[in-house]
């Protein structure tokens, strides 16, 4: 095999790369891949193409919300050439049900995952974060989004759905995800956020 440029190596990896979706979201009932899944699946390519992958993170506190930036880089083992891609994610410090370390950890995980996705050209349509419909009908260009959101059913206390929502929040889930799926009274929402 002739010596490949780093761009040729990256192109080959992008064509060959597959990563399992080892995580399961019990609230949304879908599998998804994490940054760790992607990094684990990349290990065989390090030796095959004589490259290395690294992730660098930085925080910006100058705006209204902290911004987490991740940069995924492929390095040629010659120590000279590199190609990078970045992803930027806001850290929601007002997110209920999560402590500050979880809020930053969640933003870090998403930023890493999407920086790697940008570098490796992982198609979002193959990932459940993009393809999961959360039991919603597809939206066509002529649909009124407001009318679709009114078709959501109410989340009521002491139901299996309510108990799943509580478990989801206890495990670091986001109230906004629940609100995207259900309508709820202020009392129900307050009880979920306890």
Protein backbone atom coordinates (compact mmCIF):
# COMPACT_ATOMS: atom_id res chain seq x y z
CA UNK A 1 0.00 0.00 0.00
CA UNK A 2 1.43 3.37 -1.01
CA UNK A 3 1.91 6.11 1.56
CA UNK A 4 -1.36 7.95 1.96
CA UNK A 5 -1.73 11.61 2.82
CA UNK A 6 -3.61 12.39 6.01
CA UNK A 7 -6.58 13.56 3.93
CA UNK A 8 -6.64 10.20 2.11
CA UNK A 9 -6.40 8.32 5.41
CA UNK A 10 -9.26 10.34 6.89
CA UNK A 11 -11.34 9.80 3.76
CA UNK A 12 -10.82 6.03 4.02
CA UNK A 13 -11.71 6.02 7.72
CA UNK A 14 -14.86 8.07 7.02
CA UNK A 15 -15.95 5.45 4.44
CA UNK A 16 -15.19 2.42 6.64
CA UNK A 17 -16.18 3.72 10.07
CA UNK A 18 -19.05 2.16 12.04
CA UNK A 19 -19.84 2.70 15.73
CA UNK A 20 -22.34 0.72 17.77
CA UNK A 21 -25.16 2.38 19.66
CA UNK A 22 -24.49 0.84 23.07
CA UNK A 23 -26.60 3.22 25.15
CA UNK A 24 -30.38 3.03 25.61
CA UNK A 25 -32.71 5.91 26.47
CA UNK A 26 -35.49 4.26 28.47
CA UNK A 27 -37.71 7.36 28.39
CA UNK A 28 -37.56 7.83 24.61
CA UNK A 29 -37.09 4.08 23.97
CA UNK A 30 -34.18 4.37 21.52
CA UNK A 31 -30.54 3.35 21.26
CA UNK A 32 -27.85 5.92 20.75
CA UNK A 33 -24.08 6.10 20.42
CA UNK A 34 -21.93 8.06 22.83
CA UNK A 35 -18.57 9.79 22.35
CA UNK A 36 -17.05 6.79 24.13
CA UNK A 37 -18.63 4.41 21.56
CA UNK A 38 -17.09 6.44 18.74
CA UNK A 39 -13.64 6.58 20.37
CA UNK A 40 -13.68 2.84 21.08
CA UNK A 41 -14.61 2.09 17.46
CA UNK A 42 -11.74 4.30 16.24
CA UNK A 43 -8.99 2.34 18.02
CA UNK A 44 -8.39 -0.22 15.21
CA UNK A 45 -7.84 2.63 12.73
CA UNK A 46 -4.94 4.01 14.78
CA UNK A 47 -2.69 1.09 13.84
CA UNK A 48 -4.19 0.40 10.42
CA UNK A 49 -3.64 3.97 9.14
CA UNK A 50 -0.86 5.06 11.52
CA UNK A 51 -2.90 7.92 12.99
CA UNK A 52 -4.05 9.10 16.41
CA UNK A 53 -7.23 10.83 17.52
CA UNK A 54 -7.42 13.39 20.31
CA UNK A 55 -10.14 15.58 21.81
CA UNK A 56 -9.47 18.99 23.32
CA UNK A 57 -12.05 20.99 25.24
CA UNK A 58 -12.31 24.60 26.24
CA UNK A 59 -14.86 26.71 28.10
CA UNK A 60 -15.96 30.25 27.36
CA UNK A 61 -17.68 32.09 30.22
CA UNK A 62 -17.95 35.49 28.50
CA UNK A 63 -21.55 35.17 27.25
CA UNK A 64 -24.92 34.68 28.90
CA UNK A 65 -24.39 30.91 29.13
CA UNK A 66 -21.09 29.04 29.40
CA UNK A 67 -20.04 27.55 26.06
CA UNK A 68 -18.23 24.21 25.82
CA UNK A 69 -16.14 23.77 22.67
CA UNK A 70 -14.70 20.40 21.71
CA UNK A 71 -12.14 19.93 19.00
CA UNK A 72 -11.63 16.44 17.55
CA UNK A 73 -8.31 16.00 15.74
CA UNK A 74 -6.78 13.25 13.65
CA UNK A 75 -2.98 13.34 13.74
CA UNK A 76 -0.65 11.63 11.31
CA UNK A 77 1.91 9.63 13.30
CA UNK A 78 4.65 11.54 11.49
CA UNK A 79 3.89 14.31 13.98
CA UNK A 80 3.41 16.93 11.29
CA UNK A 81 -0.08 16.75 9.77
CA UNK A 82 -3.42 17.13 11.52
CA UNK A 83 -7.07 17.76 10.60
CA UNK A 84 -9.61 19.05 13.14
CA UNK A 85 -13.33 19.63 13.49
CA UNK A 86 -15.14 21.41 16.29
CA UNK A 87 -18.52 21.47 17.96
CA UNK A 88 -19.95 24.07 20.32
CA UNK A 89 -22.56 23.38 23.00
CA UNK A 90 -24.12 25.71 25.56
CA UNK A 91 -24.18 24.62 29.21
CA UNK A 92 -27.68 25.00 30.66
CA UNK A 93 -27.05 25.96 34.29
CA UNK A 94 -30.79 26.29 34.96
CA UNK A 95 -31.54 22.70 34.00
CA UNK A 96 -33.67 21.17 36.74
CA UNK A 97 -32.85 17.74 38.11
CA UNK A 98 -29.11 18.03 37.39
CA UNK A 99 -26.27 19.17 39.58
CA UNK A 100 -23.64 21.53 38.10
CA UNK A 101 -21.09 18.75 37.40
CA UNK A 102 -23.79 16.82 35.50
CA UNK A 103 -24.70 19.92 33.49
CA UNK A 104 -21.08 20.42 32.40
CA UNK A 105 -20.56 16.68 31.86
CA UNK A 106 -23.64 16.47 29.66
CA UNK A 107 -22.49 19.45 27.56
CA UNK A 108 -18.99 17.96 27.32
CA UNK A 109 -20.33 14.59 26.14
CA UNK A 110 -22.51 16.19 23.46
CA UNK A 111 -19.72 18.47 22.28
CA UNK A 112 -17.25 15.57 21.99
CA UNK A 113 -19.78 13.40 20.19
CA UNK A 114 -20.62 16.09 17.63
CA UNK A 115 -16.99 17.16 17.10
CA UNK A 116 -16.15 13.52 16.33
CA UNK A 117 -19.26 13.30 14.15
CA UNK A 118 -18.14 16.36 12.21
CA UNK A 119 -14.62 14.98 11.74
CA UNK A 120 -15.77 11.50 10.73
CA UNK A 121 -18.84 12.63 8.75
CA UNK A 122 -21.17 10.53 10.88
CA UNK A 123 -24.56 11.04 9.29
CA UNK A 124 -27.10 12.32 11.84
CA UNK A 125 -29.85 10.38 10.09
CA UNK A 126 -28.12 7.19 11.25
CA UNK A 127 -28.10 8.35 14.86
CA UNK A 128 -31.16 8.03 17.08
CA UNK A 129 -30.73 11.59 18.37
CA UNK A 130 -31.76 12.68 14.87
CA UNK A 131 -34.01 9.81 13.78
CA UNK A 132 -35.98 9.32 17.00
CA UNK A 133 -39.41 10.87 16.51
CA UNK A 134 -40.40 10.71 20.20
CA UNK A 135 -43.82 9.50 18.99
CA UNK A 136 -44.36 12.64 16.91
CA UNK A 137 -45.71 12.71 13.39
CA UNK A 138 -43.33 14.02 10.75
CA UNK A 139 -43.69 17.72 10.03
CA UNK A 140 -44.24 18.67 6.42
CA UNK A 141 -43.66 22.14 5.03
CA UNK A 142 -47.35 23.07 5.21
CA UNK A 143 -48.02 21.89 8.76
CA UNK A 144 -48.72 24.25 11.59
CA UNK A 145 -46.26 23.33 14.34
CA UNK A 146 -48.48 24.86 17.02
CA UNK A 147 -51.37 22.54 16.13
CA UNK A 148 -49.07 19.50 16.34
CA UNK A 149 -47.93 20.44 19.83
CA UNK A 150 -51.57 20.65 20.96
CA UNK A 151 -52.05 16.98 20.04
CA UNK A 152 -49.77 15.85 22.90
CA UNK A 153 -51.49 13.94 25.67
CA UNK A 154 -51.40 15.07 29.29
CA UNK A 155 -48.90 13.57 31.70
CA UNK A 156 -50.81 12.61 34.84
CA UNK A 157 -49.58 11.64 38.30
CA UNK A 158 -49.50 7.99 39.35
CA UNK A 159 -49.29 6.63 35.81
CA UNK A 160 -46.53 4.44 34.32
CA UNK A 161 -45.53 7.39 32.10
CA UNK A 162 -45.22 9.68 35.14
CA UNK A 163 -43.05 7.12 36.96
CA UNK A 164 -40.85 6.74 33.86
CA UNK A 165 -40.48 10.52 33.69
CA UNK A 166 -39.35 10.62 37.33
CA UNK A 167 -36.78 7.87 36.70
CA UNK A 168 -35.63 9.67 33.55
CA UNK A 169 -35.02 12.91 35.50
CA UNK A 170 -33.27 11.08 38.36
CA UNK A 171 -30.85 9.63 35.80
CA UNK A 172 -29.89 13.07 34.49
CA UNK A 173 -32.68 13.54 31.94
CA UNK A 174 -34.00 16.90 30.86
CA UNK A 175 -37.47 18.27 31.68
CA UNK A 176 -37.58 19.85 28.21
CA UNK A 177 -37.56 16.37 26.65
CA UNK A 178 -40.59 15.41 28.74
CA UNK A 179 -42.33 18.67 27.85
CA UNK A 180 -41.72 17.97 24.16
CA UNK A 181 -43.65 14.72 24.52
CA UNK A 182 -46.43 15.59 27.00
CA UNK A 183 -48.61 18.47 28.12
CA UNK A 184 -48.64 18.89 31.88
CA UNK A 185 -50.14 21.07 34.54
CA UNK A 186 -47.94 23.27 36.70
CA UNK A 187 -48.59 20.95 39.67
CA UNK A 188 -47.42 17.87 37.75
CA UNK A 189 -44.32 19.70 36.51
CA UNK A 190 -43.52 20.93 40.03
CA UNK A 191 -43.84 17.40 41.37
CA UNK A 192 -41.50 16.06 38.67
CA UNK A 193 -38.91 18.68 39.52
CA UNK A 194 -38.91 17.90 43.27
